[in-house]
Amino acid sequence: MKINHFPGHMKKALEELQVNIKKCDVVIYVLDARCPNSCKNPEFDRILGQKKVIYYYSKRDLTTENVPNVRIIEEIKRMFPNKIGFVKAMVIGVPNVGKSTLINKLCKRKKTKVEDRPGVTRQSNWYEVEKNIYLLDTPGILWGNMSDEKVAKDLVAIDAIPKHLFKNKESGGGTE
């Protein structure tokens, strides 16, 4: 079973990610702790290349799995102790993994809109976390032609893919 859910805003976001990656010092890759391997977008690996990456596991309270707890600001400061000017970090992940929630937490106030559904963030925005550290919030991005059924089911379960797309596939119908 293949799911192909790659709407136009995701295509645009992927193109912007390829441009913005050059402006960033580090990437914060948000993975849902309930299914972190299914949240790894293969397109990101190609784009990130040798860029420094901090993996952040969101929604740890919803799983019994033992996942690392990274203190992002401290890790950024450790990675760039002598950086002159700003440290720019891009926050990436599939839809609905908690990228915007993480940014609000790091900013210590509501800066971004957060809802329990995919596709709320439609464009990239910069936020100052503290002096000399800026985060780029990006839309969640999936990849086309998802052929791994377990990955697709996991992403439906965490609401990264709209449930109606998967139900239509299971019943033999097409996607909308």
C-alpha atoms as a PDB file:
ATOM      1  CA  MET A   1       0.000   0.000   0.000  1.00  0.00           C
ATOM      2  CA  LYS A   2       1.352   3.390  -0.973  1.00  0.00           C
ATOM      3  CA  ILE A   3       0.260   6.729   0.420  1.00  0.00           C
ATOM      4  CA  ASN A   4       1.044   9.800  -1.607  1.00  0.00           C
ATOM      5  CA  HIS A   5       0.278  12.890   0.470  1.00  0.00           C
ATOM      6  CA  PHE A   6       2.525  15.737  -0.622  1.00  0.00           C
ATOM      7  CA  PRO A   7       0.375  18.879  -0.932  1.00  0.00           C
ATOM      8  CA  GLY A   8       1.649  22.039  -2.590  1.00  0.00           C
ATOM      9  CA  HIS A   9       2.561  23.794   0.657  1.00  0.00           C
ATOM     10  CA  MET A  10       4.881  20.888   1.547  1.00  0.00           C
ATOM     11  CA  LYS A  11       6.590  21.074  -1.834  1.00  0.00           C
ATOM     12  CA  LYS A  12       7.139  24.797  -1.305  1.00  0.00           C
ATOM     13  CA  ALA A  13       8.361  24.207   2.269  1.00  0.00           C
ATOM     14  CA  LEU A  14      10.859  21.587   1.039  1.00  0.00           C
ATOM     15  CA  GLU A  15      12.222  24.036  -1.537  1.00  0.00           C
ATOM     16  CA  GLU A  16      12.537  26.741   1.157  1.00  0.00           C
ATOM     17  CA  LEU A  17      14.261  24.267   3.483  1.00  0.00           C
ATOM     18  CA  GLN A  18      16.914  23.657   0.809  1.00  0.00           C
ATOM     19  CA  VAL A  19      17.570  27.412   0.623  1.00  0.00           C
ATOM     20  CA  ASN A  20      17.387  28.108   4.369  1.00  0.00           C
ATOM     21  CA  ILE A  21      19.666  25.236   5.363  1.00  0.00           C
ATOM     22  CA  LYS A  22      22.579  27.265   3.992  1.00  0.00           C
ATOM     23  CA  LYS A  23      21.746  30.114   6.400  1.00  0.00           C
ATOM     24  CA  CYS A  24      21.638  27.899   9.492  1.00  0.00           C
ATOM     25  CA  ASP A  25      24.373  26.695  11.811  1.00  0.00           C
ATOM     26  CA  VAL A  26      22.486  23.731  13.227  1.00  0.00           C
ATOM     27  CA  VAL A  27      19.252  21.797  12.701  1.00  0.00           C
ATOM     28  CA  ILE A  28      16.888  20.728  15.454  1.00  0.00           C
ATOM     29  CA  TYR A  29      15.188  17.602  14.132  1.00  0.00           C
ATOM     30  CA  VAL A  30      11.963  16.937  16.061  1.00  0.00           C
ATOM     31  CA  LEU A  31      10.857  13.300  16.240  1.00  0.00           C
ATOM     32  CA  ASP A  32       7.737  11.999  17.983  1.00  0.00           C
ATOM     33  CA  ALA A  33       8.986   9.688  20.757  1.00  0.00           C
ATOM     34  CA  ARG A  34       6.150   7.226  20.061  1.00  0.00           C
ATOM     35  CA  CYS A  35       7.527   6.365  16.611  1.00  0.00           C
ATOM     36  CA  PRO A  36      10.821   8.224  16.038  1.00  0.00           C
ATOM     37  CA  ASN A  37      12.040   6.050  13.169  1.00  0.00           C
ATOM     38  CA  SER A  38       8.808   6.564  11.246  1.00  0.00           C
ATOM     39  CA  CYS A  39       9.213  10.336  11.689  1.00  0.00           C
ATOM     40  CA  LYS A  40      12.525  10.405   9.823  1.00  0.00           C
ATOM     41  CA  ASN A  41      11.922  11.984   6.450  1.00  0.00           C
ATOM     42  CA  PRO A  42      14.377  10.490   3.910  1.00  0.00           C
ATOM     43  CA  GLU A  43      14.350  13.790   1.995  1.00  0.00           C
ATOM     44  CA  PHE A  44      15.857  15.531   5.035  1.00  0.00           C
ATOM     45  CA  ASP A  45      18.900  13.246   5.060  1.00  0.00           C
ATOM     46  CA  ARG A  46      19.689  14.255   1.500  1.00  0.00           C
ATOM     47  CA  ILE A  47      19.295  17.974   2.235  1.00  0.00           C
ATOM     48  CA  LEU A  48      21.080  18.102   5.600  1.00  0.00           C
ATOM     49  CA  GLY A  49      24.346  16.677   4.332  1.00  0.00           C
ATOM     50  CA  GLN A  50      27.048  17.388   6.923  1.00  0.00           C
ATOM     51  CA  LYS A  51      25.025  19.995   8.869  1.00  0.00           C
ATOM     52  CA  LYS A  52      25.140  19.629  12.665  1.00  0.00           C
ATOM     53  CA  VAL A  53      21.905  18.090  13.966  1.00  0.00           C
ATOM     54  CA  ILE A  54      20.311  17.972  17.412  1.00  0.00           C
ATOM     55  CA  TYR A  55      17.622  15.289  17.664  1.00  0.00           C
ATOM     56  CA  TYR A  56      14.762  16.243  19.964  1.00  0.00           C
ATOM     57  CA  TYR A  57      12.174  13.650  21.006  1.00  0.00           C
ATOM     58  CA  SER A  58       8.791  15.264  21.588  1.00  0.00           C
ATOM     59  CA  LYS A  59       5.814  13.785  23.405  1.00  0.00           C
ATOM     60  CA  ARG A  60       8.046  11.671  25.657  1.00  0.00           C
ATOM     61  CA  ASP A  61       5.240  11.643  28.214  1.00  0.00           C
ATOM     62  CA  LEU A  62       3.093   9.587  25.807  1.00  0.00           C
ATOM     63  CA  THR A  63       5.469   6.632  25.546  1.00  0.00           C
ATOM     64  CA  THR A  64       7.171   4.107  27.773  1.00  0.00           C
ATOM     65  CA  GLU A  65      10.219   4.092  25.503  1.00  0.00           C
ATOM     66  CA  ASN A  66      13.446   5.422  26.984  1.00  0.00           C
ATOM     67  CA  VAL A  67      14.393   8.362  24.769  1.00  0.00           C
ATOM     68  CA  PRO A  68      17.060  10.972  25.415  1.00  0.00           C
ATOM     69  CA  ASN A  69      16.129  14.314  26.929  1.00  0.00           C
ATOM     70  CA  VAL A  70      18.206  16.995  25.218  1.00  0.00           C
ATOM     71  CA  ARG A  71      18.481  20.492  26.629  1.00  0.00           C
ATOM     72  CA  ILE A  72      18.512  22.309  23.327  1.00  0.00           C
ATOM     73  CA  ILE A  73      19.744  25.768  24.324  1.00  0.00           C
ATOM     74  CA  GLU A  74      22.543  24.301  26.419  1.00  0.00           C
ATOM     75  CA  GLU A  75      23.494  21.980  23.557  1.00  0.00           C
ATOM     76  CA  ILE A  76      23.578  24.868  21.074  1.00  0.00           C
ATOM     77  CA  LYS A  77      25.814  26.870  23.410  1.00  0.00           C
ATOM     78  CA  ARG A  78      28.073  23.837  23.832  1.00  0.00           C
ATOM     79  CA  MET A  79      28.306  23.352  20.051  1.00  0.00           C
ATOM     80  CA  PHE A  80      29.129  27.015  19.373  1.00  0.00           C
ATOM     81  CA  PRO A  81      31.028  28.321  22.419  1.00  0.00           C
ATOM     82  CA  ASN A  82      32.990  30.973  20.522  1.00  0.00           C
ATOM     83  CA  LYS A  83      30.462  31.900  17.847  1.00  0.00           C
ATOM     84  CA  ILE A  84      30.571  35.566  16.989  1.00  0.00           C
ATOM     85  CA  GLY A  85      27.141  36.882  16.047  1.00  0.00           C
ATOM     86  CA  PHE A  86      23.955  34.875  15.944  1.00  0.00           C
ATOM     87  CA  VAL A  87      23.484  31.123  16.068  1.00  0.00           C
ATOM     88  CA  LYS A  88      20.709  30.203  13.678  1.00  0.00           C
ATOM     89  CA  ALA A  89      18.912  26.893  14.150  1.00  0.00           C
ATOM     90  CA  MET A  90      16.270  25.433  11.876  1.00  0.00           C
ATOM     91  CA  VAL A  91      13.523  23.305  13.448  1.00  0.00           C
ATOM     92  CA  ILE A  92      12.359  20.515  11.126  1.00  0.00           C
ATOM     93  CA  GLY A  93      10.153  17.438  11.242  1.00  0.00           C
ATOM     94  CA  VAL A  94       7.075  15.790   9.799  1.00  0.00           C
ATOM     95  CA  PRO A  95       3.676  17.374  10.488  1.00  0.00           C
ATOM     96  CA  ASN A  96       2.275  17.398  14.016  1.00  0.00           C
ATOM     97  CA  VAL A  97       5.406  16.271  15.884  1.00  0.00           C
ATOM     98  CA  GLY A  98       5.568  19.374  18.076  1.00  0.00           C
ATOM     99  CA  LYS A  99       7.943  21.767  16.313  1.00  0.00           C
ATOM    100  CA  SER A 100       5.910  24.869  17.163  1.00  0.00           C
ATOM    101  CA  THR A 101       5.251  23.654  20.706  1.00  0.00           C
ATOM    102  CA  LEU A 102       8.992  23.255  21.194  1.00  0.00           C
ATOM    103  CA  ILE A 103       9.646  26.784  19.946  1.00  0.00           C
ATOM    104  CA  ASN A 104       7.030  28.205  22.336  1.00  0.00           C
ATOM    105  CA  LYS A 105       8.659  26.269  25.177  1.00  0.00           C
ATOM    106  CA  LEU A 106      12.144  27.536  24.299  1.00  0.00           C
ATOM    107  CA  CYS A 107      10.892  31.126  23.901  1.00  0.00           C
ATOM    108  CA  LYS A 108       9.088  30.814  27.254  1.00  0.00           C
ATOM    109  CA  ARG A 109       5.944  32.323  25.750  1.00  0.00           C
ATOM    110  CA  LYS A 110       3.474  31.679  22.957  1.00  0.00           C
ATOM    111  CA  LYS A 111       5.117  32.805  19.732  1.00  0.00           C
ATOM    112  CA  THR A 112       3.645  30.280  17.318  1.00  0.00           C
ATOM    113  CA  LYS A 113       0.167  28.901  16.743  1.00  0.00           C
ATOM    114  CA  VAL A 114      -0.225  25.359  18.054  1.00  0.00           C
ATOM    115  CA  GLU A 115      -3.057  22.929  17.344  1.00  0.00           C
ATOM    116  CA  ASP A 116      -3.426  19.164  17.590  1.00  0.00           C
ATOM    117  CA  ARG A 117      -3.580  18.672  13.839  1.00  0.00           C
ATOM    118  CA  PRO A 118      -1.121  18.725  10.954  1.00  0.00           C
ATOM    119  CA  GLY A 119      -0.611  21.669   8.642  1.00  0.00           C
ATOM    120  CA  VAL A 120      -1.023  24.577  11.076  1.00  0.00           C
ATOM    121  CA  THR A 121       2.395  26.051  10.262  1.00  0.00           C
ATOM    122  CA  ARG A 122       2.287  26.931   6.561  1.00  0.00           C
ATOM    123  CA  GLN A 123       5.320  29.199   6.286  1.00  0.00           C
ATOM    124  CA  SER A 124       8.728  29.515   7.908  1.00  0.00           C
ATOM    125  CA  ASN A 125       9.252  32.144  10.608  1.00  0.00           C
ATOM    126  CA  TRP A 126      12.257  33.232  12.680  1.00  0.00           C
ATOM    127  CA  TYR A 127      11.999  33.584  16.475  1.00  0.00           C
ATOM    128  CA  GLU A 128      14.540  34.942  18.935  1.00  0.00           C
ATOM    129  CA  VAL A 129      14.928  32.481  21.782  1.00  0.00           C
ATOM    130  CA  GLU A 130      17.511  34.439  23.698  1.00  0.00           C
ATOM    131  CA  LYS A 131      20.260  36.853  22.881  1.00  0.00           C
ATOM    132  CA  ASN A 132      22.172  35.580  19.836  1.00  0.00           C
ATOM    133  CA  ILE A 133      20.073  32.418  19.323  1.00  0.00           C
ATOM    134  CA  TYR A 134      17.370  32.348  16.661  1.00  0.00           C
ATOM    135  CA  LEU A 135      15.110  29.479  15.632  1.00  0.00           C
ATOM    136  CA  LEU A 136      13.432  29.008  12.269  1.00  0.00           C
ATOM    137  CA  ASP A 137      10.059  27.299  12.594  1.00  0.00           C
ATOM    138  CA  THR A 138       9.272  25.346   9.433  1.00  0.00           C
ATOM    139  CA  PRO A 139       6.139  23.569   8.188  1.00  0.00           C
ATOM    140  CA  GLY A 140       5.951  19.825   8.643  1.00  0.00           C
ATOM    141  CA  ILE A 141       7.067  17.998   5.533  1.00  0.00           C
ATOM    142  CA  LEU A 142       6.243  14.455   4.415  1.00  0.00           C
ATOM    143  CA  TRP A 143       7.668  12.654   1.411  1.00  0.00           C
ATOM    144  CA  GLY A 144       5.817  11.440  -1.651  1.00  0.00           C
ATOM    145  CA  ASN A 145       5.076   7.803  -2.442  1.00  0.00           C
ATOM    146  CA  MET A 146       5.303   6.462   1.086  1.00  0.00           C
ATOM    147  CA  SER A 147       5.431   2.716   0.485  1.00  0.00           C
ATOM    148  CA  ASP A 148       6.283   1.394   3.972  1.00  0.00           C
ATOM    149  CA  GLU A 149       2.917   0.435   5.488  1.00  0.00           C
ATOM    150  CA  LYS A 150       4.212   0.499   9.086  1.00  0.00           C
ATOM    151  CA  VAL A 151       5.579   4.026   8.623  1.00  0.00           C
ATOM    152  CA  ALA A 152       2.294   5.153   7.075  1.00  0.00           C
ATOM    153  CA  LYS A 153       0.250   3.634   9.923  1.00  0.00           C
ATOM    154  CA  ASP A 154       2.540   5.233  12.526  1.00  0.00           C
ATOM    155  CA  LEU A 155       2.221   8.646  10.871  1.00  0.00           C
ATOM    156  CA  VAL A 156      -1.557   8.296  10.710  1.00  0.00           C
ATOM    157  CA  ALA A 157      -1.606   7.309  14.408  1.00  0.00           C
ATOM    158  CA  ILE A 158       0.228  10.506  15.421  1.00  0.00           C
ATOM    159  CA  ASP A 159      -1.898  12.628  13.052  1.00  0.00           C
ATOM    160  CA  ALA A 160       0.973  13.501  10.729  1.00  0.00           C
ATOM    161  CA  ILE A 161      -1.122  12.152   7.852  1.00  0.00           C
ATOM    162  CA  PRO A 162      -4.864  12.859   7.793  1.00  0.00           C
ATOM    163  CA  LYS A 163      -6.707   9.702   8.836  1.00  0.00           C
ATOM    164  CA  HIS A 164      -9.199   9.912   5.961  1.00  0.00           C
ATOM    165  CA  LEU A 165      -6.384   9.325   3.449  1.00  0.00           C
ATOM    166  CA  PHE A 166      -5.435   6.045   5.084  1.00  0.00           C
ATOM    167  CA  LYS A 167      -9.034   4.900   5.504  1.00  0.00           C
ATOM    168  CA  ASN A 168      -9.680   5.516   1.816  1.00  0.00           C
ATOM    169  CA  LYS A 169      -6.620   3.418   0.915  1.00  0.00           C
ATOM    170  CA  GLU A 170      -7.628   0.540   3.230  1.00  0.00           C
ATOM    171  CA  SER A 171     -11.118   0.409   1.761  1.00  0.00           C
ATOM    172  CA  GLY A 172      -9.804   0.371  -1.790  1.00  0.00           C
ATOM    173  CA  GLY A 173     -10.747   3.960  -2.520  1.00  0.00           C
ATOM    174  CA  GLY A 174      -8.324   6.587  -3.746  1.00  0.00           C
ATOM    175  CA  THR A 175      -7.059   9.592  -1.926  1.00  0.00           C
ATOM    176  CA  GLU A 176      -9.002  12.810  -2.128  1.00  0.00           C
END
